Amino acid sequence: HEIVRSGDMVWVVDLGCDAIYTYKVEDGQLTHQGTTSVAAGYGPRHMALVDNMAVVGCELQNYVLVFDVGADGSLSQTQEIQYASANGNKGAEVLVHNGYVYASSRGEGVVVV
């Protein structure tokens, strides 16, 4: 659902496979570096980078996942935060602005800072 690039590293967020694929740009080509799986049925949709941290908003379950980003682009999950519990809410967007992470939800109008 989203592609995020920082320098020569690229992450592909795949809602349908509950995974985030890590690639490196080498000589104009993408080289697969690894795959980070998230819990089945979470549906990762959006990812934002903050320094050496990645924040991922999940659409199918209302969670924000936080990862440490290794020097090689690898992701190690450090937090799992549920941000909406109303029936029918779905994760929508993740944004980083002025040192704050904002996660929004479709449905009941939830925005978490």
PDB file of N, CA and C in Angstrom:
ATOM      1  N   HIS A   1       0.798  -1.192   0.000  1.00  0.00           N
ATOM      2  CA  HIS A   1       0.000   0.000   0.000  1.00  0.00           C
ATOM      3  C   HIS A   1       0.843   1.259   0.000  1.00  0.00           C
ATOM      4  N   GLU A   2       2.086   1.134   0.404  1.00  0.00           N
ATOM      5  CA  GLU A   2       2.924   2.329   0.408  1.00  0.00           C
ATOM      6  C   GLU A   2       4.382   1.943   0.225  1.00  0.00           C
ATOM      7  N   ILE A   3       5.118   2.853  -0.418  1.00  0.00           N
ATOM      8  CA  ILE A   3       6.557   2.705  -0.568  1.00  0.00           C
ATOM      9  C   ILE A   3       7.204   3.899   0.105  1.00  0.00           C
ATOM     10  N   VAL A   4       8.191   3.628   0.967  1.00  0.00           N
ATOM     11  CA  VAL A   4       8.892   4.675   1.700  1.00  0.00           C
ATOM     12  C   VAL A   4      10.373   4.556   1.361  1.00  0.00           C
ATOM     13  N   ARG A   5      11.003   5.695   1.061  1.00  0.00           N
ATOM     14  CA  ARG A   5      12.437   5.671   0.735  1.00  0.00           C
ATOM     15  C   ARG A   5      13.183   6.656   1.623  1.00  0.00           C
ATOM     16  N   SER A   6      14.355   6.218   2.069  1.00  0.00           N
ATOM     17  CA  SER A   6      15.274   7.080   2.801  1.00  0.00           C
ATOM     18  C   SER A   6      16.680   6.720   2.340  1.00  0.00           C
ATOM     19  N   GLY A   7      17.332   7.649   1.669  1.00  0.00           N
ATOM     20  CA  GLY A   7      18.660   7.357   1.122  1.00  0.00           C
ATOM     21  C   GLY A   7      18.577   6.221   0.125  1.00  0.00           C
ATOM     22  N   ASP A   8      19.396   5.197   0.349  1.00  0.00           N
ATOM     23  CA  ASP A   8      19.377   4.055  -0.562  1.00  0.00           C
ATOM     24  C   ASP A   8      18.509   2.901  -0.060  1.00  0.00           C
ATOM     25  N   MET A   9      17.745   3.140   1.012  1.00  0.00           N
ATOM     26  CA  MET A   9      16.853   2.106   1.555  1.00  0.00           C
ATOM     27  C   MET A   9      15.413   2.369   1.120  1.00  0.00           C
ATOM     28  N   VAL A  10      14.694   1.281   0.834  1.00  0.00           N
ATOM     29  CA  VAL A  10      13.295   1.349   0.402  1.00  0.00           C
ATOM     30  C   VAL A  10      12.505   0.295   1.174  1.00  0.00           C
ATOM     31  N   TRP A  11      11.345   0.703   1.685  1.00  0.00           N
ATOM     32  CA  TRP A  11      10.450  -0.221   2.374  1.00  0.00           C
ATOM     33  C   TRP A  11       9.122  -0.245   1.637  1.00  0.00           C
ATOM     34  N   VAL A  12       8.594  -1.444   1.426  1.00  0.00           N
ATOM     35  CA  VAL A  12       7.297  -1.621   0.771  1.00  0.00           C
ATOM     36  C   VAL A  12       6.348  -2.210   1.810  1.00  0.00           C
ATOM     37  N   VAL A  13       5.292  -1.455   2.123  1.00  0.00           N
ATOM     38  CA  VAL A  13       4.311  -1.867   3.125  1.00  0.00           C
ATOM     39  C   VAL A  13       3.200  -2.620   2.399  1.00  0.00           C
ATOM     40  N   ASP A  14       2.990  -3.889   2.760  1.00  0.00           N
ATOM     41  CA  ASP A  14       2.043  -4.766   2.062  1.00  0.00           C
ATOM     42  C   ASP A  14       0.910  -5.178   2.981  1.00  0.00           C
ATOM     43  N   LEU A  15      -0.227  -4.515   2.835  1.00  0.00           N
ATOM     44  CA  LEU A  15      -1.413  -4.775   3.652  1.00  0.00           C
ATOM     45  C   LEU A  15      -1.876  -6.224   3.527  1.00  0.00           C
ATOM     46  N   GLY A  16      -1.939  -6.743   2.310  1.00  0.00           N
ATOM     47  CA  GLY A  16      -2.491  -8.074   2.064  1.00  0.00           C
ATOM     48  C   GLY A  16      -1.659  -9.221   2.603  1.00  0.00           C
ATOM     49  N   CYS A  17      -0.352  -9.024   2.684  1.00  0.00           N
ATOM     50  CA  CYS A  17       0.543 -10.092   3.165  1.00  0.00           C
ATOM     51  C   CYS A  17       0.998  -9.870   4.600  1.00  0.00           C
ATOM     52  N   ASP A  18       0.497  -8.793   5.252  1.00  0.00           N
ATOM     53  CA  ASP A  18       0.914  -8.482   6.630  1.00  0.00           C
ATOM     54  C   ASP A  18       2.434  -8.462   6.741  1.00  0.00           C
ATOM     55  N   ALA A  19       3.060  -7.695   5.838  1.00  0.00           N
ATOM     56  CA  ALA A  19       4.524  -7.669   5.806  1.00  0.00           C
ATOM     57  C   ALA A  19       5.041  -6.313   5.348  1.00  0.00           C
ATOM     58  N   ILE A  20       6.299  -6.065   5.698  1.00  0.00           N
ATOM     59  CA  ILE A  20       7.031  -4.905   5.200  1.00  0.00           C
ATOM     60  C   ILE A  20       8.319  -5.449   4.587  1.00  0.00           C
ATOM     61  N   TYR A  21       8.511  -5.177   3.307  1.00  0.00           N
ATOM     62  CA  TYR A  21       9.677  -5.673   2.579  1.00  0.00           C
ATOM     63  C   TYR A  21      10.739  -4.578   2.546  1.00  0.00           C
ATOM     64  N   THR A  22      11.978  -4.956   2.809  1.00  0.00           N
ATOM     65  CA  THR A  22      13.089  -4.005   2.820  1.00  0.00           C
ATOM     66  C   THR A  22      13.976  -4.264   1.611  1.00  0.00           C
ATOM     67  N   TYR A  23      14.297  -3.172   0.901  1.00  0.00           N
ATOM     68  CA  TYR A  23      15.154  -3.239  -0.277  1.00  0.00           C
ATOM     69  C   TYR A  23      16.253  -2.197  -0.161  1.00  0.00           C
ATOM     70  N   LYS A  24      17.319  -2.422  -0.892  1.00  0.00           N
ATOM     71  CA  LYS A  24      18.397  -1.444  -1.001  1.00  0.00           C
ATOM     72  C   LYS A  24      18.597  -1.146  -2.477  1.00  0.00           C
ATOM     73  N   VAL A  25      18.796   0.129  -2.786  1.00  0.00           N
ATOM     74  CA  VAL A  25      19.078   0.529  -4.162  1.00  0.00           C
ATOM     75  C   VAL A  25      20.579   0.379  -4.381  1.00  0.00           C
ATOM     76  N   GLU A  26      20.935  -0.504  -5.306  1.00  0.00           N
ATOM     77  CA  GLU A  26      22.337  -0.752  -5.640  1.00  0.00           C
ATOM     78  C   GLU A  26      22.484  -0.747  -7.152  1.00  0.00           C
ATOM     79  N   ASP A  27      23.313   0.150  -7.653  1.00  0.00           N
ATOM     80  CA  ASP A  27      23.532   0.268  -9.103  1.00  0.00           C
ATOM     81  C   ASP A  27      22.220   0.413  -9.859  1.00  0.00           C
ATOM     82  N   GLY A  28      21.309   1.195  -9.313  1.00  0.00           N
ATOM     83  CA  GLY A  28      20.040   1.458  -9.989  1.00  0.00           C
ATOM     84  C   GLY A  28      19.036   0.321  -9.918  1.00  0.00           C
ATOM     85  N   GLN A  29      19.332  -0.710  -9.145  1.00  0.00           N
ATOM     86  CA  GLN A  29      18.442  -1.863  -9.001  1.00  0.00           C
ATOM     87  C   GLN A  29      18.050  -2.025  -7.528  1.00  0.00           C
ATOM     88  N   LEU A  30      16.858  -2.603  -7.303  1.00  0.00           N
ATOM     89  CA  LEU A  30      16.432  -2.926  -5.945  1.00  0.00           C
ATOM     90  C   LEU A  30      16.908  -4.321  -5.578  1.00  0.00           C
ATOM     91  N   THR A  31      17.557  -4.427  -4.420  1.00  0.00           N
ATOM     92  CA  THR A  31      18.010  -5.712  -3.911  1.00  0.00           C
ATOM     93  C   THR A  31      17.253  -5.992  -2.617  1.00  0.00           C
ATOM     94  N   HIS A  32      16.542  -7.119  -2.581  1.00  0.00           N
ATOM     95  CA  HIS A  32      15.760  -7.476  -1.398  1.00  0.00           C
ATOM     96  C   HIS A  32      16.694  -7.741  -0.224  1.00  0.00           C
ATOM     97  N   GLN A  33      16.435  -7.059   0.897  1.00  0.00           N
ATOM     98  CA  GLN A  33      17.267  -7.197   2.092  1.00  0.00           C
ATOM     99  C   GLN A  33      16.605  -8.035   3.174  1.00  0.00           C
ATOM    100  N   GLY A  34      15.271  -8.078   3.166  1.00  0.00           N
ATOM    101  CA  GLY A  34      14.584  -8.851   4.191  1.00  0.00           C
ATOM    102  C   GLY A  34      13.103  -8.534   4.232  1.00  0.00           C
ATOM    103  N   THR A  35      12.392  -9.312   5.036  1.00  0.00           N
ATOM    104  CA  THR A  35      10.952  -9.151   5.202  1.00  0.00           C
ATOM    105  C   THR A  35      10.637  -9.115   6.686  1.00  0.00           C
ATOM    106  N   THR A  36       9.834  -8.139   7.088  1.00  0.00           N
ATOM    107  CA  THR A  36       9.371  -8.043   8.463  1.00  0.00           C
ATOM    108  C   THR A  36       7.889  -8.374   8.474  1.00  0.00           C
ATOM    109  N   SER A  37       7.521  -9.419   9.178  1.00  0.00           N
ATOM    110  CA  SER A  37       6.112  -9.805   9.279  1.00  0.00           C
ATOM    111  C   SER A  37       5.476  -9.108  10.469  1.00  0.00           C
ATOM    112  N   VAL A  38       4.199  -8.757  10.311  1.00  0.00           N
ATOM    113  CA  VAL A  38       3.420  -8.226  11.434  1.00  0.00           C
ATOM    114  C   VAL A  38       2.343  -9.258  11.749  1.00  0.00           C
ATOM    115  N   ALA A  39       1.636  -9.059  12.839  1.00  0.00           N
ATOM    116  CA  ALA A  39       0.619 -10.022  13.256  1.00  0.00           C
ATOM    117  C   ALA A  39      -0.403 -10.245  12.144  1.00  0.00           C
ATOM    118  N   ALA A  40      -0.810 -11.486  11.977  1.00  0.00           N
ATOM    119  CA  ALA A  40      -1.775 -11.851  10.931  1.00  0.00           C
ATOM    120  C   ALA A  40      -3.062 -11.040  11.088  1.00  0.00           C
ATOM    121  N   GLY A  41      -3.522 -10.484   9.972  1.00  0.00           N
ATOM    122  CA  GLY A  41      -4.776  -9.750   9.964  1.00  0.00           C
ATOM    123  C   GLY A  41      -4.666  -8.288  10.350  1.00  0.00           C
ATOM    124  N   TYR A  42      -3.458  -7.801  10.663  1.00  0.00           N
ATOM    125  CA  TYR A  42      -3.299  -6.387  11.042  1.00  0.00           C
ATOM    126  C   TYR A  42      -3.410  -5.461   9.835  1.00  0.00           C
ATOM    127  N   GLY A  43      -2.897  -5.871   8.700  1.00  0.00           N
ATOM    128  CA  GLY A  43      -2.994  -5.055   7.495  1.00  0.00           C
ATOM    129  C   GLY A  43      -2.210  -3.760   7.557  1.00  0.00           C
ATOM    130  N   PRO A  44      -0.875  -3.815   7.619  1.00  0.00           N
ATOM    131  CA  PRO A  44      -0.094  -2.579   7.631  1.00  0.00           C
ATOM    132  C   PRO A  44      -0.361  -1.778   6.357  1.00  0.00           C
ATOM    133  N   ARG A  45      -0.587  -0.470   6.511  1.00  0.00           N
ATOM    134  CA  ARG A  45      -0.953   0.347   5.355  1.00  0.00           C
ATOM    135  C   ARG A  45      -0.010   1.515   5.119  1.00  0.00           C
ATOM    136  N   HIS A  46       0.301   2.276   6.160  1.00  0.00           N
ATOM    137  CA  HIS A  46       1.133   3.462   6.008  1.00  0.00           C
ATOM    138  C   HIS A  46       2.312   3.406   6.964  1.00  0.00           C
ATOM    139  N   MET A  47       3.439   3.990   6.517  1.00  0.00           N
ATOM    140  CA  MET A  47       4.646   3.995   7.329  1.00  0.00           C
ATOM    141  C   MET A  47       5.283   5.372   7.250  1.00  0.00           C
ATOM    142  N   ALA A  48       5.772   5.845   8.374  1.00  0.00           N
ATOM    143  CA  ALA A  48       6.507   7.106   8.429  1.00  0.00           C
ATOM    144  C   ALA A  48       7.806   6.868   9.188  1.00  0.00           C
ATOM    145  N   LEU A  49       8.863   7.558   8.767  1.00  0.00           N
ATOM    146  CA  LEU A  49      10.166   7.432   9.410  1.00  0.00           C
ATOM    147  C   LEU A  49      10.449   8.662  10.266  1.00  0.00           C
ATOM    148  N   VAL A  50      10.982   8.412  11.455  1.00  0.00           N
ATOM    149  CA  VAL A  50      11.414   9.462  12.369  1.00  0.00           C
ATOM    150  C   VAL A  50      12.790   9.048  12.868  1.00  0.00           C
ATOM    151  N   ASP A  51      13.831   9.691  12.384  1.00  0.00           N
ATOM    152  CA  ASP A  51      15.201   9.332  12.752  1.00  0.00           C
ATOM    153  C   ASP A  51      15.407   7.835  12.503  1.00  0.00           C
ATOM    154  N   ASN A  52      15.721   7.060  13.555  1.00  0.00           N
ATOM    155  CA  ASN A  52      15.940   5.611  13.407  1.00  0.00           C
ATOM    156  C   ASN A  52      14.732   4.822  13.886  1.00  0.00           C
ATOM    157  N   MET A  53      13.543   5.375  13.642  1.00  0.00           N
ATOM    158  CA  MET A  53      12.298   4.725  14.068  1.00  0.00           C
ATOM    159  C   MET A  53      11.319   4.750  12.894  1.00  0.00           C
ATOM    160  N   ALA A  54      10.577   3.658  12.745  1.00  0.00           N
ATOM    161  CA  ALA A  54       9.503   3.585  11.755  1.00  0.00           C
ATOM    162  C   ALA A  54       8.184   3.413  12.499  1.00  0.00           C
ATOM    163  N   VAL A  55       7.182   4.160  12.061  1.00  0.00           N
ATOM    164  CA  VAL A  55       5.850   4.084  12.653  1.00  0.00           C
ATOM    165  C   VAL A  55       4.908   3.596  11.563  1.00  0.00           C
ATOM    166  N   VAL A  56       4.175   2.516  11.850  1.00  0.00           N
ATOM    167  CA  VAL A  56       3.316   1.886  10.851  1.00  0.00           C
ATOM    168  C   VAL A  56       1.873   1.884  11.338  1.00  0.00           C
ATOM    169  N   GLY A  57       0.984   2.409  10.521  1.00  0.00           N
ATOM    170  CA  GLY A  57      -0.449   2.378  10.820  1.00  0.00           C
ATOM    171  C   GLY A  57      -1.079   1.178  10.142  1.00  0.00           C
ATOM    172  N   CYS A  58      -1.823   0.395  10.895  1.00  0.00           N
ATOM    173  CA  CYS A  58      -2.480  -0.792  10.358  1.00  0.00           C
ATOM    174  C   CYS A  58      -3.946  -0.482  10.061  1.00  0.00           C
ATOM    175  N   GLU A  59      -4.430  -0.991   8.942  1.00  0.00           N
ATOM    176  CA  GLU A  59      -5.794  -0.689   8.516  1.00  0.00           C
ATOM    177  C   GLU A  59      -6.819  -1.710   8.977  1.00  0.00           C
ATOM    178  N   LEU A  60      -6.477  -2.972   8.977  1.00  0.00           N
ATOM    179  CA  LEU A  60      -7.472  -3.996   9.273  1.00  0.00           C
ATOM    180  C   LEU A  60      -7.706  -4.183  10.763  1.00  0.00           C
ATOM    181  N   GLN A  61      -6.699  -3.901  11.555  1.00  0.00           N
ATOM    182  CA  GLN A  61      -6.817  -3.840  13.009  1.00  0.00           C
ATOM    183  C   GLN A  61      -6.296  -2.466  13.408  1.00  0.00           C
ATOM    184  N   ASN A  62      -6.870  -1.876  14.415  1.00  0.00           N
ATOM    185  CA  ASN A  62      -6.525  -0.496  14.769  1.00  0.00           C
ATOM    186  C   ASN A  62      -5.299  -0.424  15.667  1.00  0.00           C
ATOM    187  N   TYR A  63      -4.148  -0.633  15.057  1.00  0.00           N
ATOM    188  CA  TYR A  63      -2.891  -0.589  15.784  1.00  0.00           C
ATOM    189  C   TYR A  63      -1.890   0.299  15.064  1.00  0.00           C
ATOM    190  N   VAL A  64      -1.067   0.944  15.860  1.00  0.00           N
ATOM    191  CA  VAL A  64       0.128   1.610  15.374  1.00  0.00           C
ATOM    192  C   VAL A  64       1.295   0.776  15.882  1.00  0.00           C
ATOM    193  N   LEU A  65       2.176   0.392  14.975  1.00  0.00           N
ATOM    194  CA  LEU A  65       3.343  -0.408  15.328  1.00  0.00           C
ATOM    195  C   LEU A  65       4.578   0.471  15.217  1.00  0.00           C
ATOM    196  N   VAL A  66       5.475   0.351  16.192  1.00  0.00           N
ATOM    197  CA  VAL A  66       6.701   1.135  16.206  1.00  0.00           C
ATOM    198  C   VAL A  66       7.880   0.177  16.075  1.00  0.00           C
ATOM    199  N   PHE A  67       8.821   0.542  15.199  1.00  0.00           N
ATOM    200  CA  PHE A  67       9.986  -0.298  14.927  1.00  0.00           C
ATOM    201  C   PHE A  67      11.262   0.528  15.065  1.00  0.00           C
ATOM    202  N   ASP A  68      12.317  -0.107  15.560  1.00  0.00           N
ATOM    203  CA  ASP A  68      13.661   0.449  15.430  1.00  0.00           C
ATOM    204  C   ASP A  68      14.131   0.097  14.025  1.00  0.00           C
ATOM    205  N   VAL A  69      14.809   1.045  13.374  1.00  0.00           N
ATOM    206  CA  VAL A  69      15.353   0.803  12.039  1.00  0.00           C
ATOM    207  C   VAL A  69      16.860   0.613  12.184  1.00  0.00           C
ATOM    208  N   GLY A  70      17.337  -0.569  11.801  1.00  0.00           N
ATOM    209  CA  GLY A  70      18.767  -0.860  11.869  1.00  0.00           C
ATOM    210  C   GLY A  70      19.534  -0.156  10.765  1.00  0.00           C
ATOM    211  N   ALA A  71      20.855  -0.108  10.902  1.00  0.00           N
ATOM    212  CA  ALA A  71      21.711   0.522   9.892  1.00  0.00           C
ATOM    213  C   ALA A  71      21.535  -0.125   8.519  1.00  0.00           C
ATOM    214  N   ASP A  72      21.149  -1.403   8.508  1.00  0.00           N
ATOM    215  CA  ASP A  72      20.941  -2.134   7.259  1.00  0.00           C
ATOM    216  C   ASP A  72      19.489  -2.042   6.777  1.00  0.00           C
ATOM    217  N   GLY A  73      18.667  -1.217   7.455  1.00  0.00           N
ATOM    218  CA  GLY A  73      17.265  -1.056   7.075  1.00  0.00           C
ATOM    219  C   GLY A  73      16.322  -2.055   7.713  1.00  0.00           C
ATOM    220  N   SER A  74      16.873  -2.989   8.480  1.00  0.00           N
ATOM    221  CA  SER A  74      16.020  -3.992   9.128  1.00  0.00           C
ATOM    222  C   SER A  74      15.104  -3.330  10.150  1.00  0.00           C
ATOM    223  N   LEU A  75      13.947  -3.935  10.385  1.00  0.00           N
ATOM    224  CA  LEU A  75      12.961  -3.412  11.317  1.00  0.00           C
ATOM    225  C   LEU A  75      12.789  -4.366  12.490  1.00  0.00           C
ATOM    226  N   SER A  76      12.874  -3.825  13.708  1.00  0.00           N
ATOM    227  CA  SER A  76      12.658  -4.607  14.925  1.00  0.00           C
ATOM    228  C   SER A  76      11.540  -3.930  15.707  1.00  0.00           C
ATOM    229  N   GLN A  77      10.415  -4.641  15.873  1.00  0.00           N
ATOM    230  CA  GLN A  77       9.256  -4.034  16.533  1.00  0.00           C
ATOM    231  C   GLN A  77       9.537  -3.800  18.014  1.00  0.00           C
ATOM    232  N   THR A  78       9.186  -2.579  18.477  1.00  0.00           N
ATOM    233  CA  THR A  78       9.387  -2.206  19.874  1.00  0.00           C
ATOM    234  C   THR A  78       8.081  -1.903  20.597  1.00  0.00           C
ATOM    235  N   GLN A  79       7.050  -1.498  19.853  1.00  0.00           N
ATOM    236  CA  GLN A  79       5.769  -1.168  20.478  1.00  0.00           C
ATOM    237  C   GLN A  79       4.609  -1.552  19.573  1.00  0.00           C
ATOM    238  N   GLU A  80       3.489  -1.815  20.224  1.00  0.00           N
ATOM    239  CA  GLU A  80       2.209  -2.072  19.541  1.00  0.00           C
ATOM    240  C   GLU A  80       1.156  -1.290  20.323  1.00  0.00           C
ATOM    241  N   ILE A  81       0.558  -0.298  19.678  1.00  0.00           N
ATOM    242  CA  ILE A  81      -0.367   0.600  20.370  1.00  0.00           C
ATOM    243  C   ILE A  81      -1.734   0.530  19.705  1.00  0.00           C
ATOM    244  N   GLN A  82      -2.759   0.138  20.459  1.00  0.00           N
ATOM    245  CA  GLN A  82      -4.114   0.153  19.923  1.00  0.00           C
ATOM    246  C   GLN A  82      -4.648   1.576  20.043  1.00  0.00           C
ATOM    247  N   TYR A  83      -5.190   2.119  18.950  1.00  0.00           N
ATOM    248  CA  TYR A  83      -5.603   3.504  19.001  1.00  0.00           C
ATOM    249  C   TYR A  83      -7.067   3.771  18.736  1.00  0.00           C
ATOM    250  N   ALA A  84      -7.838   2.772  18.449  1.00  0.00           N
ATOM    251  CA  ALA A  84      -9.281   2.966  18.284  1.00  0.00           C
ATOM    252  C   ALA A  84      -9.958   1.642  18.568  1.00  0.00           C
ATOM    253  N   SER A  85     -11.031   1.690  19.338  1.00  0.00           N
ATOM    254  CA  SER A  85     -11.711   0.447  19.680  1.00  0.00           C
ATOM    255  C   SER A  85     -13.143   0.398  19.164  1.00  0.00           C
ATOM    256  N   ALA A  86     -13.643   1.480  18.588  1.00  0.00           N
ATOM    257  CA  ALA A  86     -15.016   1.491  18.083  1.00  0.00           C
ATOM    258  C   ALA A  86     -15.164   0.516  16.925  1.00  0.00           C
ATOM    259  N   ASN A  87     -16.248  -0.217  16.921  1.00  0.00           N
ATOM    260  CA  ASN A  87     -16.525  -1.174  15.866  1.00  0.00           C
ATOM    261  C   ASN A  87     -16.607  -0.442  14.526  1.00  0.00           C
ATOM    262  N   GLY A  88     -15.943  -0.957  13.524  1.00  0.00           N
ATOM    263  CA  GLY A  88     -15.990  -0.367  12.193  1.00  0.00           C
ATOM    264  C   GLY A  88     -14.886   0.630  11.912  1.00  0.00           C
ATOM    265  N   ASN A  89     -14.136   1.051  12.926  1.00  0.00           N
ATOM    266  CA  ASN A  89     -13.013   1.959  12.672  1.00  0.00           C
ATOM    267  C   ASN A  89     -11.902   1.208  11.962  1.00  0.00           C
ATOM    268  N   LYS A  90     -11.272   1.859  11.039  1.00  0.00           N
ATOM    269  CA  LYS A  90     -10.144   1.291  10.309  1.00  0.00           C
ATOM    270  C   LYS A  90      -9.034   2.317  10.291  1.00  0.00           C
ATOM    271  N   GLY A  91      -7.803   1.866  10.450  1.00  0.00           N
ATOM    272  CA  GLY A  91      -6.667   2.779  10.397  1.00  0.00           C
ATOM    273  C   GLY A  91      -6.595   3.461   9.052  1.00  0.00           C
ATOM    274  N   ALA A  92      -6.171   4.728   9.056  1.00  0.00           N
ATOM    275  CA  ALA A  92      -6.187   5.482   7.815  1.00  0.00           C
ATOM    276  C   ALA A  92      -4.823   6.054   7.435  1.00  0.00           C
ATOM    277  N   GLU A  93      -4.191   6.784   8.322  1.00  0.00           N
ATOM    278  CA  GLU A  93      -2.987   7.523   7.936  1.00  0.00           C
ATOM    279  C   GLU A  93      -2.058   7.695   9.127  1.00  0.00           C
ATOM    280  N   VAL A  94      -0.763   7.795   8.836  1.00  0.00           N
ATOM    281  CA  VAL A  94       0.245   8.103   9.842  1.00  0.00           C
ATOM    282  C   VAL A  94       1.046   9.286   9.309  1.00  0.00           C
ATOM    283  N   LEU A  95       1.257  10.286  10.161  1.00  0.00           N
ATOM    284  CA  LEU A  95       1.980  11.495   9.781  1.00  0.00           C
ATOM    285  C   LEU A  95       2.906  11.888  10.922  1.00  0.00           C
ATOM    286  N   VAL A  96       4.101  12.323  10.578  1.00  0.00           N
ATOM    287  CA  VAL A  96       5.040  12.833  11.565  1.00  0.00           C
ATOM    288  C   VAL A  96       5.230  14.313  11.285  1.00  0.00           C
ATOM    289  N   HIS A  97       5.044  15.142  12.334  1.00  0.00           N
ATOM    290  CA  HIS A  97       5.171  16.586  12.162  1.00  0.00           C
ATOM    291  C   HIS A  97       5.669  17.209  13.457  1.00  0.00           C
ATOM    292  N   ASN A  98       6.757  17.973  13.376  1.00  0.00           N
ATOM    293  CA  ASN A  98       7.321  18.667  14.541  1.00  0.00           C
ATOM    294  C   ASN A  98       7.554  17.747  15.740  1.00  0.00           C
ATOM    295  N   GLY A  99       8.031  16.546  15.472  1.00  0.00           N
ATOM    296  CA  GLY A  99       8.356  15.628  16.558  1.00  0.00           C
ATOM    297  C   GLY A  99       7.201  14.826  17.110  1.00  0.00           C
ATOM    298  N   TYR A 100       6.005  15.011  16.543  1.00  0.00           N
ATOM    299  CA  TYR A 100       4.826  14.262  16.981  1.00  0.00           C
ATOM    300  C   TYR A 100       4.404  13.290  15.891  1.00  0.00           C
ATOM    301  N   VAL A 101       3.863  12.151  16.310  1.00  0.00           N
ATOM    302  CA  VAL A 101       3.309  11.167  15.383  1.00  0.00           C
ATOM    303  C   VAL A 101       1.791  11.237  15.503  1.00  0.00           C
ATOM    304  N   TYR A 102       1.122  11.411  14.376  1.00  0.00           N
ATOM    305  CA  TYR A 102      -0.337  11.450  14.339  1.00  0.00           C
ATOM    306  C   TYR A 102      -0.827  10.218  13.592  1.00  0.00           C
ATOM    307  N   ALA A 103      -1.789   9.520  14.178  1.00  0.00           N
ATOM    308  CA  ALA A 103      -2.408   8.360  13.524  1.00  0.00           C
ATOM    309  C   ALA A 103      -3.906   8.608  13.492  1.00  0.00           C
ATOM    310  N   SER A 104      -4.497   8.484  12.308  1.00  0.00           N
ATOM    311  CA  SER A 104      -5.942   8.723  12.196  1.00  0.00           C
ATOM    312  C   SER A 104      -6.666   7.420  11.891  1.00  0.00           C
ATOM    313  N   SER A 105      -7.964   7.450  12.139  1.00  0.00           N
ATOM    314  CA  SER A 105      -8.808   6.279  11.945  1.00  0.00           C
ATOM    315  C   SER A 105     -10.058   6.688  11.181  1.00  0.00           C
ATOM    316  N   ARG A 106     -10.485   5.839  10.264  1.00  0.00           N
ATOM    317  CA  ARG A 106     -11.772   6.064   9.595  1.00  0.00           C
ATOM    318  C   ARG A 106     -12.885   5.644  10.556  1.00  0.00           C
ATOM    319  N   GLY A 107     -14.014   6.251  10.435  1.00  0.00           N
ATOM    320  CA  GLY A 107     -15.136   5.822  11.263  1.00  0.00           C
ATOM    321  C   GLY A 107     -15.524   6.879  12.271  1.00  0.00           C
ATOM    322  N   GLU A 108     -15.098   6.714  13.507  1.00  0.00           N
ATOM    323  CA  GLU A 108     -15.545   7.568  14.593  1.00  0.00           C
ATOM    324  C   GLU A 108     -14.692   8.825  14.766  1.00  0.00           C
ATOM    325  N   GLY A 109     -13.863   9.164  13.799  1.00  0.00           N
ATOM    326  CA  GLY A 109     -13.095  10.394  13.869  1.00  0.00           C
ATOM    327  C   GLY A 109     -12.005  10.400  14.906  1.00  0.00           C
ATOM    328  N   VAL A 110     -11.234   9.357  14.987  1.00  0.00           N
ATOM    329  CA  VAL A 110     -10.172   9.239  15.984  1.00  0.00           C
ATOM    330  C   VAL A 110      -8.856   9.727  15.406  1.00  0.00           C
ATOM    331  N   VAL A 111      -8.188  10.596  16.105  1.00  0.00           N
ATOM    332  CA  VAL A 111      -6.815  10.997  15.807  1.00  0.00           C
ATOM    333  C   VAL A 111      -6.034  10.863  17.095  1.00  0.00           C
ATOM    334  N   VAL A 112      -4.942  10.120  17.045  1.00  0.00           N
ATOM    335  CA  VAL A 112      -4.119   9.884  18.229  1.00  0.00           C
ATOM    336  C   VAL A 112      -2.784  10.578  18.021  1.00  0.00           C
ATOM    337  N   VAL A 113      -2.281  11.262  19.045  1.00  0.00           N
ATOM    338  CA  VAL A 113      -0.984  11.952  18.974  1.00  0.00           C
ATOM    339  C   VAL A 113      -0.008  11.239  19.890  1.00  0.00           C
TER     340      VAL A 113
END
